[in-house]
N, C-alpha and C. Protein backbone atom coordinates (compact mmCIF):
# COMPACT_ATOMS: atom_id res chain seq x y z
N MET A 1 6.59 -10.55 -12.10
CA MET A 1 5.60 -9.61 -11.59
C MET A 1 4.61 -10.36 -10.69
N LEU A 2 4.24 -9.68 -9.60
CA LEU A 2 3.25 -10.20 -8.66
C LEU A 2 2.24 -9.11 -8.35
N THR A 3 1.09 -9.52 -7.86
CA THR A 3 0.10 -8.59 -7.32
C THR A 3 -0.21 -9.01 -5.90
N ARG A 4 -0.23 -8.05 -5.00
CA ARG A 4 -0.48 -8.33 -3.60
C ARG A 4 -1.46 -7.30 -3.04
N ARG A 5 -2.38 -7.79 -2.21
CA ARG A 5 -3.33 -6.91 -1.50
C ARG A 5 -2.81 -6.73 -0.08
N TYR A 6 -2.76 -5.46 0.34
CA TYR A 6 -2.34 -5.11 1.70
C TYR A 6 -3.50 -4.46 2.43
N VAL A 7 -3.68 -4.82 3.69
CA VAL A 7 -4.62 -4.15 4.57
C VAL A 7 -3.83 -3.71 5.79
N VAL A 8 -3.84 -2.40 6.03
CA VAL A 8 -3.02 -1.80 7.08
C VAL A 8 -3.94 -1.30 8.20
N THR A 9 -3.64 -1.71 9.42
CA THR A 9 -4.44 -1.39 10.60
C THR A 9 -3.65 -0.47 11.52
N GLY A 10 -4.35 0.40 12.22
CA GLY A 10 -3.75 1.32 13.18
C GLY A 10 -4.29 2.71 12.94
N ARG A 11 -3.51 3.72 13.33
CA ARG A 11 -3.90 5.10 13.03
C ARG A 11 -3.34 5.40 11.64
N VAL A 12 -4.15 5.11 10.63
CA VAL A 12 -3.68 5.19 9.25
C VAL A 12 -4.59 6.06 8.37
N GLN A 13 -5.60 6.66 8.95
CA GLN A 13 -6.44 7.60 8.21
C GLN A 13 -6.27 8.98 8.84
N GLY A 14 -6.28 10.00 7.98
CA GLY A 14 -6.10 11.36 8.46
C GLY A 14 -4.65 11.73 8.74
N VAL A 15 -3.71 10.91 8.25
CA VAL A 15 -2.28 11.16 8.49
C VAL A 15 -1.49 11.14 7.17
N PHE A 16 -2.18 11.35 6.05
CA PHE A 16 -1.58 11.35 4.71
C PHE A 16 -1.01 9.99 4.32
N PHE A 17 -1.62 8.93 4.85
CA PHE A 17 -1.13 7.58 4.57
C PHE A 17 -1.28 7.24 3.09
N ARG A 18 -2.45 7.51 2.51
CA ARG A 18 -2.67 7.16 1.10
C ARG A 18 -1.74 7.93 0.18
N ALA A 19 -1.64 9.23 0.37
CA ALA A 19 -0.77 10.04 -0.49
C ALA A 19 0.68 9.62 -0.35
N SER A 20 1.11 9.34 0.87
CA SER A 20 2.48 8.91 1.11
C SER A 20 2.74 7.54 0.50
N THR A 21 1.74 6.65 0.57
CA THR A 21 1.86 5.32 -0.04
C THR A 21 2.02 5.46 -1.55
N ARG A 22 1.25 6.35 -2.16
CA ARG A 22 1.36 6.58 -3.61
C ARG A 22 2.77 7.04 -3.98
N ILE A 23 3.30 7.97 -3.23
CA ILE A 23 4.65 8.48 -3.51
C ILE A 23 5.68 7.35 -3.40
N GLU A 24 5.58 6.56 -2.33
CA GLU A 24 6.53 5.46 -2.12
C GLU A 24 6.38 4.40 -3.20
N ALA A 25 5.16 4.05 -3.55
CA ALA A 25 4.93 3.04 -4.59
C ALA A 25 5.49 3.50 -5.92
N GLN A 26 5.26 4.76 -6.28
CA GLN A 26 5.79 5.28 -7.54
C GLN A 26 7.31 5.28 -7.51
N ARG A 27 7.91 5.64 -6.38
CA ARG A 27 9.36 5.63 -6.25
C ARG A 27 9.92 4.23 -6.50
N LEU A 28 9.17 3.22 -6.07
CA LEU A 28 9.60 1.82 -6.22
C LEU A 28 9.21 1.21 -7.57
N GLY A 29 8.52 1.98 -8.42
CA GLY A 29 8.13 1.48 -9.73
C GLY A 29 6.92 0.55 -9.69
N LEU A 30 6.08 0.69 -8.67
CA LEU A 30 4.92 -0.17 -8.51
C LEU A 30 3.69 0.47 -9.14
N ARG A 31 2.68 -0.36 -9.42
CA ARG A 31 1.42 0.10 -10.00
C ARG A 31 0.27 -0.44 -9.16
N GLY A 32 -0.86 0.29 -9.13
CA GLY A 32 -2.03 -0.19 -8.41
C GLY A 32 -2.81 0.95 -7.81
N TRP A 33 -3.39 0.70 -6.64
CA TRP A 33 -4.20 1.73 -5.97
C TRP A 33 -4.15 1.55 -4.46
N VAL A 34 -4.55 2.62 -3.75
CA VAL A 34 -4.67 2.60 -2.30
C VAL A 34 -5.93 3.36 -1.94
N ARG A 35 -6.66 2.88 -0.91
CA ARG A 35 -7.90 3.54 -0.51
C ARG A 35 -8.15 3.35 0.98
N ASN A 36 -8.97 4.25 1.54
CA ASN A 36 -9.44 4.10 2.91
C ASN A 36 -10.58 3.10 2.94
N LEU A 37 -10.67 2.34 4.01
CA LEU A 37 -11.80 1.46 4.24
C LEU A 37 -12.72 2.10 5.29
N PRO A 38 -14.01 1.79 5.25
CA PRO A 38 -14.95 2.41 6.20
C PRO A 38 -14.63 2.13 7.67
N ASP A 39 -13.92 1.04 7.95
CA ASP A 39 -13.61 0.68 9.34
C ASP A 39 -12.34 1.33 9.88
N GLY A 40 -11.73 2.24 9.10
CA GLY A 40 -10.55 2.95 9.57
C GLY A 40 -9.23 2.37 9.09
N ARG A 41 -9.27 1.25 8.40
CA ARG A 41 -8.03 0.67 7.85
C ARG A 41 -7.77 1.24 6.46
N VAL A 42 -6.60 0.93 5.92
CA VAL A 42 -6.24 1.31 4.56
C VAL A 42 -5.96 0.03 3.78
N GLU A 43 -6.44 0.00 2.54
CA GLU A 43 -6.25 -1.15 1.66
C GLU A 43 -5.49 -0.71 0.41
N ALA A 44 -4.58 -1.56 -0.05
CA ALA A 44 -3.86 -1.29 -1.29
C ALA A 44 -3.78 -2.57 -2.11
N LEU A 45 -3.93 -2.44 -3.41
CA LEU A 45 -3.73 -3.54 -4.34
C LEU A 45 -2.61 -3.11 -5.26
N VAL A 46 -1.50 -3.85 -5.24
CA VAL A 46 -0.25 -3.37 -5.84
C VAL A 46 0.39 -4.46 -6.69
N SER A 47 0.87 -4.07 -7.88
CA SER A 47 1.58 -4.99 -8.77
C SER A 47 3.00 -4.50 -8.99
N GLY A 48 3.93 -5.45 -9.08
CA GLY A 48 5.31 -5.09 -9.36
C GLY A 48 6.25 -6.25 -9.11
N GLU A 49 7.52 -5.93 -9.14
CA GLU A 49 8.56 -6.93 -8.90
C GLU A 49 8.57 -7.34 -7.43
N PRO A 50 8.88 -8.59 -7.13
CA PRO A 50 8.86 -9.06 -5.74
C PRO A 50 9.69 -8.22 -4.78
N GLU A 51 10.88 -7.79 -5.21
CA GLU A 51 11.74 -6.99 -4.34
C GLU A 51 11.10 -5.64 -4.00
N ALA A 52 10.44 -5.03 -5.00
CA ALA A 52 9.78 -3.73 -4.78
C ALA A 52 8.57 -3.90 -3.87
N LEU A 53 7.83 -4.99 -4.03
CA LEU A 53 6.68 -5.26 -3.16
C LEU A 53 7.16 -5.46 -1.72
N ALA A 54 8.26 -6.17 -1.55
CA ALA A 54 8.80 -6.39 -0.20
C ALA A 54 9.22 -5.06 0.43
N ALA A 55 9.81 -4.17 -0.37
CA ALA A 55 10.22 -2.86 0.14
C ALA A 55 8.99 -2.04 0.52
N LEU A 56 7.93 -2.09 -0.28
CA LEU A 56 6.70 -1.37 0.06
C LEU A 56 6.10 -1.93 1.34
N GLU A 57 6.10 -3.23 1.49
CA GLU A 57 5.54 -3.85 2.69
C GLU A 57 6.29 -3.40 3.95
N ARG A 58 7.60 -3.29 3.85
CA ARG A 58 8.38 -2.78 4.98
C ARG A 58 8.00 -1.33 5.28
N TRP A 59 7.81 -0.53 4.22
CA TRP A 59 7.42 0.87 4.41
C TRP A 59 6.02 0.96 5.02
N LEU A 60 5.08 0.11 4.55
CA LEU A 60 3.72 0.12 5.08
C LEU A 60 3.70 -0.19 6.58
N ALA A 61 4.62 -0.99 7.05
CA ALA A 61 4.67 -1.35 8.47
C ALA A 61 5.00 -0.15 9.36
N VAL A 62 5.53 0.90 8.76
CA VAL A 62 5.88 2.12 9.49
C VAL A 62 4.99 3.28 9.06
N GLY A 63 4.86 3.47 7.74
CA GLY A 63 4.03 4.53 7.19
C GLY A 63 4.64 5.91 7.35
N PRO A 64 3.85 6.94 7.07
CA PRO A 64 4.35 8.32 7.21
C PRO A 64 4.50 8.70 8.68
N PRO A 65 5.12 9.85 8.96
CA PRO A 65 5.48 10.22 10.34
C PRO A 65 4.36 10.18 11.38
N HIS A 66 3.15 10.58 11.04
CA HIS A 66 2.08 10.64 12.05
C HIS A 66 1.24 9.36 12.15
N ALA A 67 1.55 8.37 11.33
CA ALA A 67 0.83 7.09 11.37
C ALA A 67 1.34 6.25 12.53
N ARG A 68 0.49 5.36 13.01
CA ARG A 68 0.86 4.37 14.01
C ARG A 68 0.31 3.03 13.54
N VAL A 69 1.12 2.30 12.81
CA VAL A 69 0.69 1.03 12.22
C VAL A 69 0.79 -0.07 13.26
N THR A 70 -0.29 -0.85 13.40
CA THR A 70 -0.29 -1.98 14.32
C THR A 70 -0.24 -3.32 13.60
N GLN A 71 -0.65 -3.35 12.32
CA GLN A 71 -0.64 -4.62 11.59
C GLN A 71 -0.70 -4.35 10.09
N VAL A 72 0.03 -5.18 9.33
CA VAL A 72 -0.06 -5.20 7.87
C VAL A 72 -0.35 -6.62 7.45
N GLN A 73 -1.49 -6.82 6.82
CA GLN A 73 -1.84 -8.12 6.27
C GLN A 73 -1.54 -8.09 4.78
N ALA A 74 -0.94 -9.15 4.25
CA ALA A 74 -0.60 -9.23 2.83
C ALA A 74 -1.10 -10.55 2.27
N VAL A 75 -1.77 -10.47 1.12
CA VAL A 75 -2.30 -11.66 0.46
C VAL A 75 -1.98 -11.55 -1.03
N ASP A 76 -1.44 -12.61 -1.61
CA ASP A 76 -1.19 -12.62 -3.05
C ASP A 76 -2.51 -12.69 -3.79
N GLU A 77 -2.58 -11.98 -4.91
CA GLU A 77 -3.77 -11.91 -5.75
C GLU A 77 -3.40 -12.26 -7.19
N ALA A 78 -4.41 -12.43 -8.03
CA ALA A 78 -4.18 -12.64 -9.45
C ALA A 78 -3.51 -11.39 -10.03
N LEU A 79 -2.60 -11.59 -10.97
CA LEU A 79 -1.87 -10.49 -11.57
C LEU A 79 -2.83 -9.49 -12.20
N GLN A 80 -2.61 -8.22 -11.93
CA GLN A 80 -3.42 -7.12 -12.48
C GLN A 80 -2.59 -6.33 -13.48
N GLY A 81 -3.26 -5.72 -14.45
CA GLY A 81 -2.56 -4.95 -15.49
C GLY A 81 -2.65 -3.46 -15.25
N PHE A 82 -2.28 -3.00 -14.06
CA PHE A 82 -2.31 -1.58 -13.74
C PHE A 82 -1.29 -0.81 -14.58
N THR A 83 -1.59 0.46 -14.87
CA THR A 83 -0.66 1.29 -15.63
C THR A 83 -0.08 2.42 -14.79
N ASP A 84 -0.61 2.67 -13.60
CA ASP A 84 -0.17 3.77 -12.74
C ASP A 84 -0.49 3.39 -11.30
N PHE A 85 -0.13 4.26 -10.36
CA PHE A 85 -0.51 4.07 -8.98
C PHE A 85 -1.36 5.26 -8.56
N VAL A 86 -2.58 4.98 -8.10
CA VAL A 86 -3.53 6.06 -7.79
C VAL A 86 -4.10 5.91 -6.39
N VAL A 87 -4.56 7.04 -5.87
CA VAL A 87 -5.34 7.06 -4.63
C VAL A 87 -6.78 6.92 -5.04
N ALA A 88 -7.45 5.88 -4.58
CA ALA A 88 -8.84 5.62 -4.98
C ALA A 88 -9.80 6.20 -3.97
């Protein structure tokens, strides 16, 4: 198990990015949260198996249909004991 923080830049607010991220993370068996940042980016803190995190990262690089992602930053974090995946 790993925990990774993602910060996604581009047109990622107002396009159902958080809700779509939650659906994708749950589909992959991941736990954590996703939220909007005041500067227009989206941040997620996610725990799970390395393969599932890699799959989520690939999905974040594209996002839902109306998103236009320009950058995904990923940083490993200390393991978190999340029990679900929520929109914060």
